[in-house]
Structure formats: C-alpha cells, structure tokens
Amino acid sequence: MEISKQQYEYALDRIEELLPLVTDETSADDKNSIELTIVSDIVETYEKVHYPIAKPTIGELISLAIEEKGMTQKELAKELGISPSRVSDYINGRAEPTLRIASAICVILGIAPAAMMGL
C-alpha cells in the first residue's frame, strides 16, 4: 500500500496529539496506544521510501571517528604507519584502505568492522 504525503502529514500531526496521552504506564491495548503504534508505522513506512538514510562512506566513518576521538589525521596516520596524505585520500574517497589498514583503523578509532565494510 502506497502512503500519500497527505496521509504521512496527518500521521505526523496525530503522533504529536497522541504522545502526551500515552506514557510508559499506558496499557498496550489502550486505544491511544494502539493508534500511536499504527500512525508511527505509517510514518516509518513513508520515511523509508521518501527519506532513506544512506550508509556512511568509509571516509565519513573515519572523519567522524577521528573527530570523536579528538585526534588529527596526522595522529591517525602516525599510528597506522602511513602518510597523512594517505589518510586524507581515504577520507576524501580518493582511495580505499587495504584490509590490514582498515582493520587497524577499526581498532584505533573504535569503528565496527561491519560498518567499515558497508554492512
């Protein structure tokens, strides 16, 4: 079933109305709780089709992890035993790390190997 933009917008508005009425203590068979589940499913279905979230690139993963660790590209390069320009190539998508380097990046930056592999 295709969900229209109008149905999606109605569901969003209805969620805002229902949220104050449904708490953690609200029974799962409460009519507001049931309706909130239904309209939430409508919103999720519409957004998966119309606003898909792309998986981050290897470069984006590395860049974000470097920032979160408070490191610089130069520091990462030193730990990896490669040149800073090579790290820049990975971040900017000009090159992909070898399996050995990708594994080391995951360990150093705390990136899940599955994420690095695009899974």
N, C-alpha and C. Protein backbone atom coordinates (compact mmCIF):
# COMPACT_ATOMS: atom_id res chain seq x y z
N MET A 1 0.84 -1.19 0.00
CA MET A 1 0.00 0.00 0.00
C MET A 1 0.88 1.24 0.00
N GLU A 2 0.65 2.11 -0.96
CA GLU A 2 1.38 3.37 -1.07
C GLU A 2 0.77 4.39 -0.10
N ILE A 3 1.62 5.03 0.67
CA ILE A 3 1.16 6.04 1.62
C ILE A 3 1.38 7.40 0.98
N SER A 4 0.32 8.21 0.96
CA SER A 4 0.42 9.53 0.34
C SER A 4 1.07 10.53 1.30
N LYS A 5 1.52 11.62 0.73
CA LYS A 5 2.12 12.68 1.55
C LYS A 5 1.09 13.23 2.53
N GLN A 6 -0.14 13.32 2.09
CA GLN A 6 -1.22 13.82 2.95
C GLN A 6 -1.43 12.86 4.14
N GLN A 7 -1.43 11.57 3.88
CA GLN A 7 -1.58 10.59 4.97
C GLN A 7 -0.39 10.66 5.93
N TYR A 8 0.80 10.82 5.37
CA TYR A 8 2.01 10.95 6.17
C TYR A 8 1.92 12.16 7.10
N GLU A 9 1.54 13.30 6.53
CA GLU A 9 1.45 14.53 7.33
C GLU A 9 0.36 14.42 8.40
N TYR A 10 -0.75 13.77 8.06
CA TYR A 10 -1.80 13.54 9.06
C TYR A 10 -1.25 12.68 10.20
N ALA A 11 -0.51 11.62 9.84
CA ALA A 11 0.05 10.72 10.85
C ALA A 11 1.03 11.47 11.76
N LEU A 12 1.86 12.33 11.18
CA LEU A 12 2.78 13.13 11.99
C LEU A 12 2.03 14.01 12.99
N ASP A 13 0.99 14.68 12.50
CA ASP A 13 0.18 15.53 13.38
C ASP A 13 -0.49 14.71 14.48
N ARG A 14 -0.98 13.54 14.10
CA ARG A 14 -1.68 12.68 15.07
C ARG A 14 -0.71 12.16 16.13
N ILE A 15 0.51 11.87 15.73
CA ILE A 15 1.52 11.43 16.71
C ILE A 15 1.73 12.51 17.76
N GLU A 16 1.84 13.76 17.32
CA GLU A 16 2.02 14.88 18.26
C GLU A 16 0.86 14.97 19.24
N GLU A 17 -0.36 14.68 18.77
CA GLU A 17 -1.54 14.73 19.65
C GLU A 17 -1.56 13.55 20.62
N LEU A 18 -1.09 12.39 20.17
CA LEU A 18 -1.15 11.18 20.98
C LEU A 18 -0.02 11.05 22.00
N LEU A 19 1.14 11.59 21.69
CA LEU A 19 2.29 11.42 22.58
C LEU A 19 2.02 11.83 24.03
N PRO A 20 1.36 12.97 24.27
CA PRO A 20 1.10 13.32 25.67
C PRO A 20 0.11 12.38 26.36
N LEU A 21 -0.67 11.64 25.58
CA LEU A 21 -1.70 10.76 26.14
C LEU A 21 -1.19 9.35 26.44
N VAL A 22 -0.04 9.00 25.88
CA VAL A 22 0.50 7.66 26.05
C VAL A 22 1.81 7.74 26.82
N THR A 23 1.85 7.06 27.96
CA THR A 23 3.06 7.03 28.79
C THR A 23 3.55 5.59 28.91
N ASP A 24 4.64 5.40 29.62
CA ASP A 24 5.16 4.04 29.85
C ASP A 24 4.16 3.18 30.61
N GLU A 25 3.28 3.83 31.38
CA GLU A 25 2.30 3.09 32.18
C GLU A 25 1.03 2.76 31.39
N THR A 26 0.88 3.34 30.19
CA THR A 26 -0.31 3.10 29.38
C THR A 26 -0.30 1.66 28.88
N SER A 27 -1.44 1.01 29.01
CA SER A 27 -1.59 -0.38 28.58
C SER A 27 -1.42 -0.48 27.06
N ALA A 28 -0.86 -1.58 26.60
CA ALA A 28 -0.67 -1.80 25.16
C ALA A 28 -2.00 -1.92 24.43
N ASP A 29 -3.10 -2.30 25.16
CA ASP A 29 -4.40 -2.39 24.48
C ASP A 29 -5.22 -1.11 24.59
N ASP A 30 -4.65 -0.08 25.17
CA ASP A 30 -5.33 1.21 25.22
C ASP A 30 -5.49 1.75 23.80
N LYS A 31 -6.66 2.33 23.51
CA LYS A 31 -6.94 2.78 22.14
C LYS A 31 -5.92 3.82 21.65
N ASN A 32 -5.46 4.72 22.54
CA ASN A 32 -4.47 5.71 22.13
C ASN A 32 -3.12 5.05 21.85
N SER A 33 -2.78 4.06 22.65
CA SER A 33 -1.53 3.34 22.44
C SER A 33 -1.55 2.59 21.12
N ILE A 34 -2.66 1.95 20.82
CA ILE A 34 -2.81 1.22 19.56
C ILE A 34 -2.72 2.18 18.38
N GLU A 35 -3.45 3.30 18.48
CA GLU A 35 -3.42 4.28 17.38
C GLU A 35 -2.03 4.86 17.19
N LEU A 36 -1.32 5.12 18.29
CA LEU A 36 0.04 5.66 18.20
C LEU A 36 0.95 4.67 17.46
N THR A 37 0.80 3.41 17.74
CA THR A 37 1.59 2.38 17.05
C THR A 37 1.29 2.38 15.56
N ILE A 38 0.02 2.47 15.21
CA ILE A 38 -0.39 2.44 13.80
C ILE A 38 0.14 3.66 13.05
N VAL A 39 -0.07 4.86 13.60
CA VAL A 39 0.39 6.06 12.89
C VAL A 39 1.91 6.14 12.86
N SER A 40 2.58 5.59 13.87
CA SER A 40 4.04 5.55 13.86
C SER A 40 4.53 4.64 12.74
N ASP A 41 3.85 3.52 12.54
CA ASP A 41 4.20 2.61 11.45
C ASP A 41 4.01 3.28 10.09
N ILE A 42 2.96 4.08 9.96
CA ILE A 42 2.71 4.81 8.71
C ILE A 42 3.87 5.78 8.43
N VAL A 43 4.27 6.52 9.45
CA VAL A 43 5.37 7.48 9.30
C VAL A 43 6.66 6.75 8.93
N GLU A 44 6.95 5.66 9.63
CA GLU A 44 8.18 4.90 9.36
C GLU A 44 8.19 4.36 7.92
N THR A 45 7.07 3.82 7.48
CA THR A 45 6.98 3.27 6.13
C THR A 45 7.19 4.35 5.08
N TYR A 46 6.54 5.49 5.26
CA TYR A 46 6.67 6.60 4.31
C TYR A 46 8.11 7.10 4.27
N GLU A 47 8.73 7.28 5.44
CA GLU A 47 10.07 7.83 5.50
C GLU A 47 11.11 6.88 4.92
N LYS A 48 10.91 5.57 5.06
CA LYS A 48 11.85 4.62 4.45
C LYS A 48 11.88 4.77 2.94
N VAL A 49 10.73 5.09 2.34
CA VAL A 49 10.65 5.25 0.89
C VAL A 49 11.11 6.63 0.44
N HIS A 50 10.66 7.67 1.13
CA HIS A 50 10.88 9.04 0.67
C HIS A 50 12.08 9.75 1.30
N TYR A 51 12.56 9.27 2.43
CA TYR A 51 13.70 9.90 3.09
C TYR A 51 14.68 8.82 3.56
N PRO A 52 15.17 8.01 2.64
CA PRO A 52 16.09 6.94 3.06
C PRO A 52 17.38 7.52 3.62
N ILE A 53 17.94 6.83 4.59
CA ILE A 53 19.20 7.26 5.18
C ILE A 53 20.30 6.42 4.54
N ALA A 54 21.18 7.09 3.85
CA ALA A 54 22.28 6.39 3.18
C ALA A 54 23.31 5.94 4.21
N LYS A 55 23.93 4.82 3.92
CA LYS A 55 25.00 4.35 4.79
C LYS A 55 26.20 5.27 4.61
N PRO A 56 26.90 5.56 5.70
CA PRO A 56 28.05 6.46 5.58
C PRO A 56 29.17 5.80 4.77
N THR A 57 29.93 6.63 4.10
CA THR A 57 31.09 6.14 3.35
C THR A 57 32.21 5.84 4.34
N ILE A 58 33.23 5.14 3.86
CA ILE A 58 34.40 4.86 4.70
C ILE A 58 35.02 6.18 5.15
N GLY A 59 35.09 7.13 4.24
CA GLY A 59 35.65 8.43 4.58
C GLY A 59 34.87 9.14 5.67
N GLU A 60 33.55 9.08 5.57
CA GLU A 60 32.71 9.71 6.60
C GLU A 60 32.89 9.02 7.95
N LEU A 61 32.97 7.68 7.94
CA LEU A 61 33.19 6.95 9.19
C LEU A 61 34.52 7.36 9.83
N ILE A 62 35.56 7.39 9.03
CA ILE A 62 36.88 7.75 9.56
C ILE A 62 36.88 9.19 10.08
N SER A 63 36.34 10.10 9.30
CA SER A 63 36.31 11.50 9.68
C SER A 63 35.56 11.71 11.00
N LEU A 64 34.39 11.09 11.12
CA LEU A 64 33.59 11.23 12.34
C LEU A 64 34.32 10.63 13.54
N ALA A 65 34.90 9.45 13.34
CA ALA A 65 35.60 8.78 14.44
C ALA A 65 36.83 9.57 14.89
N ILE A 66 37.55 10.15 13.94
CA ILE A 66 38.70 10.98 14.28
C ILE A 66 38.25 12.15 15.15
N GLU A 67 37.16 12.78 14.72
CA GLU A 67 36.62 13.92 15.48
C GLU A 67 36.18 13.49 16.88
N GLU A 68 35.47 12.36 16.96
CA GLU A 68 35.00 11.88 18.27
C GLU A 68 36.15 11.54 19.20
N LYS A 69 37.24 11.03 18.66
CA LYS A 69 38.41 10.67 19.46
C LYS A 69 39.28 11.89 19.79
N GLY A 70 38.99 13.03 19.15
CA GLY A 70 39.80 14.23 19.37
C GLY A 70 41.18 14.10 18.76
N MET A 71 41.26 13.32 17.69
CA MET A 71 42.54 13.11 17.00
C MET A 71 42.64 14.01 15.78
N THR A 72 43.81 14.00 15.20
CA THR A 72 44.00 14.65 13.91
C THR A 72 44.30 13.56 12.88
N GLN A 73 44.18 13.91 11.61
CA GLN A 73 44.54 12.97 10.55
C GLN A 73 46.02 12.58 10.67
N LYS A 74 46.82 13.54 11.05
CA LYS A 74 48.26 13.30 11.19
C LYS A 74 48.53 12.27 12.29
N GLU A 75 47.82 12.40 13.41
CA GLU A 75 47.99 11.44 14.52
C GLU A 75 47.55 10.04 14.10
N LEU A 76 46.44 9.95 13.38
CA LEU A 76 45.97 8.65 12.90
C LEU A 76 47.00 8.05 11.94
N ALA A 77 47.48 8.87 11.04
CA ALA A 77 48.48 8.40 10.08
C ALA A 77 49.70 7.83 10.80
N LYS A 78 50.16 8.52 11.83
CA LYS A 78 51.33 8.07 12.59
C LYS A 78 51.06 6.71 13.23
N GLU A 79 49.87 6.55 13.83
CA GLU A 79 49.54 5.27 14.46
C GLU A 79 49.42 4.15 13.44
N LEU A 80 48.99 4.49 12.23
CA LEU A 80 48.84 3.49 11.18
C LEU A 80 50.14 3.22 10.44
N GLY A 81 51.11 4.12 10.60
CA GLY A 81 52.37 3.97 9.89
C GLY A 81 52.25 4.31 8.41
N ILE A 82 51.37 5.26 8.11
CA ILE A 82 51.19 5.72 6.73
C ILE A 82 51.28 7.24 6.70
N SER A 83 51.27 7.80 5.51
CA SER A 83 51.38 9.26 5.39
C SER A 83 50.03 9.93 5.68
N PRO A 84 50.07 11.16 6.20
CA PRO A 84 48.82 11.91 6.40
C PRO A 84 48.05 12.10 5.09
N SER A 85 48.76 12.21 3.99
CA SER A 85 48.05 12.39 2.71
C SER A 85 47.26 11.13 2.35
N ARG A 86 47.75 9.97 2.78
CA ARG A 86 47.02 8.72 2.51
C ARG A 86 45.72 8.70 3.32
N VAL A 87 45.77 9.14 4.57
CA VAL A 87 44.56 9.23 5.40
C VAL A 87 43.58 10.19 4.73
N SER A 88 44.09 11.31 4.24
CA SER A 88 43.25 12.28 3.53
C SER A 88 42.60 11.63 2.30
N ASP A 89 43.36 10.79 1.59
CA ASP A 89 42.80 10.09 0.43
C ASP A 89 41.64 9.21 0.84
N TYR A 90 41.76 8.51 1.97
CA TYR A 90 40.67 7.65 2.46
C TYR A 90 39.44 8.50 2.80
N ILE A 91 39.67 9.59 3.50
CA ILE A 91 38.55 10.44 3.94
C ILE A 91 37.84 11.08 2.75
N ASN A 92 38.60 11.47 1.74
CA ASN A 92 38.01 12.15 0.59
C ASN A 92 37.58 11.21 -0.53
N GLY A 93 37.68 9.89 -0.28
CA GLY A 93 37.21 8.92 -1.25
C GLY A 93 38.10 8.72 -2.46
N ARG A 94 39.34 9.19 -2.37
CA ARG A 94 40.26 9.01 -3.49
C ARG A 94 40.93 7.65 -3.47
N ALA A 95 40.87 6.97 -2.31
CA ALA A 95 41.45 5.63 -2.17
C ALA A 95 40.71 4.90 -1.06
N GLU A 96 40.79 3.57 -1.10
CA GLU A 96 40.23 2.76 -0.02
C GLU A 96 41.37 2.06 0.70
N PRO A 97 41.25 1.94 2.02
CA PRO A 97 42.33 1.28 2.76
C PRO A 97 42.38 -0.22 2.44
N THR A 98 43.58 -0.78 2.55
CA THR A 98 43.73 -2.23 2.42
C THR A 98 43.03 -2.88 3.61
N LEU A 99 42.84 -4.17 3.54
CA LEU A 99 42.18 -4.88 4.63
C LEU A 99 42.95 -4.72 5.94
N ARG A 100 44.27 -4.78 5.85
CA ARG A 100 45.11 -4.62 7.05
C ARG A 100 44.95 -3.23 7.65
N ILE A 101 44.99 -2.21 6.80
CA ILE A 101 44.85 -0.83 7.28
C ILE A 101 43.43 -0.59 7.79
N ALA A 102 42.43 -1.10 7.08
CA ALA A 102 41.04 -0.94 7.52
C ALA A 102 40.84 -1.57 8.90
N SER A 103 41.43 -2.73 9.11
CA SER A 103 41.34 -3.40 10.40
C SER A 103 41.99 -2.55 11.50
N ALA A 104 43.14 -2.00 11.20
CA ALA A 104 43.83 -1.14 12.18
C ALA A 104 43.02 0.12 12.47
N ILE A 105 42.42 0.70 11.44
CA ILE A 105 41.58 1.89 11.63
C ILE A 105 40.43 1.56 12.58
N CYS A 106 39.81 0.40 12.37
CA CYS A 106 38.69 -0.02 13.23
C CYS A 106 39.13 -0.12 14.69
N VAL A 107 40.30 -0.71 14.92
CA VAL A 107 40.81 -0.87 16.28
C VAL A 107 41.14 0.49 16.89
N ILE A 108 41.87 1.30 16.17
CA ILE A 108 42.32 2.60 16.69
C ILE A 108 41.15 3.54 16.95
N LEU A 109 40.20 3.57 16.02
CA LEU A 109 39.10 4.54 16.13
C LEU A 109 37.83 3.97 16.73
N GLY A 110 37.81 2.67 16.98
CA GLY A 110 36.62 2.06 17.57
C GLY A 110 35.46 1.98 16.61
N ILE A 111 35.75 1.76 15.34
CA ILE A 111 34.71 1.62 14.31
C ILE A 111 34.39 0.14 14.19
N ALA A 112 33.12 -0.21 14.16
CA ALA A 112 32.71 -1.60 13.97
C ALA A 112 33.15 -2.06 12.58
N PRO A 113 33.81 -3.22 12.50
CA PRO A 113 34.25 -3.71 11.19
C PRO A 113 33.10 -3.82 10.18
N ALA A 114 31.93 -4.22 10.64
CA ALA A 114 30.78 -4.33 9.72
C ALA A 114 30.45 -2.97 9.10
N ALA A 115 30.56 -1.90 9.88
CA ALA A 115 30.29 -0.56 9.35
C ALA A 115 31.33 -0.19 8.30
N MET A 116 32.58 -0.54 8.58
CA MET A 116 33.66 -0.23 7.65
C MET A 116 33.45 -0.97 6.32
N MET A 117 32.85 -2.16 6.40
CA MET A 117 32.61 -2.96 5.21
C MET A 117 31.29 -2.58 4.51
N GLY A 118 30.56 -1.62 5.09
CA GLY A 118 29.31 -1.16 4.49
C GLY A 118 28.13 -2.07 4.77
N LEU A 119 28.22 -2.89 5.81
CA LEU A 119 27.12 -3.80 6.16
C LEU A 119 26.19 -3.19 7.16
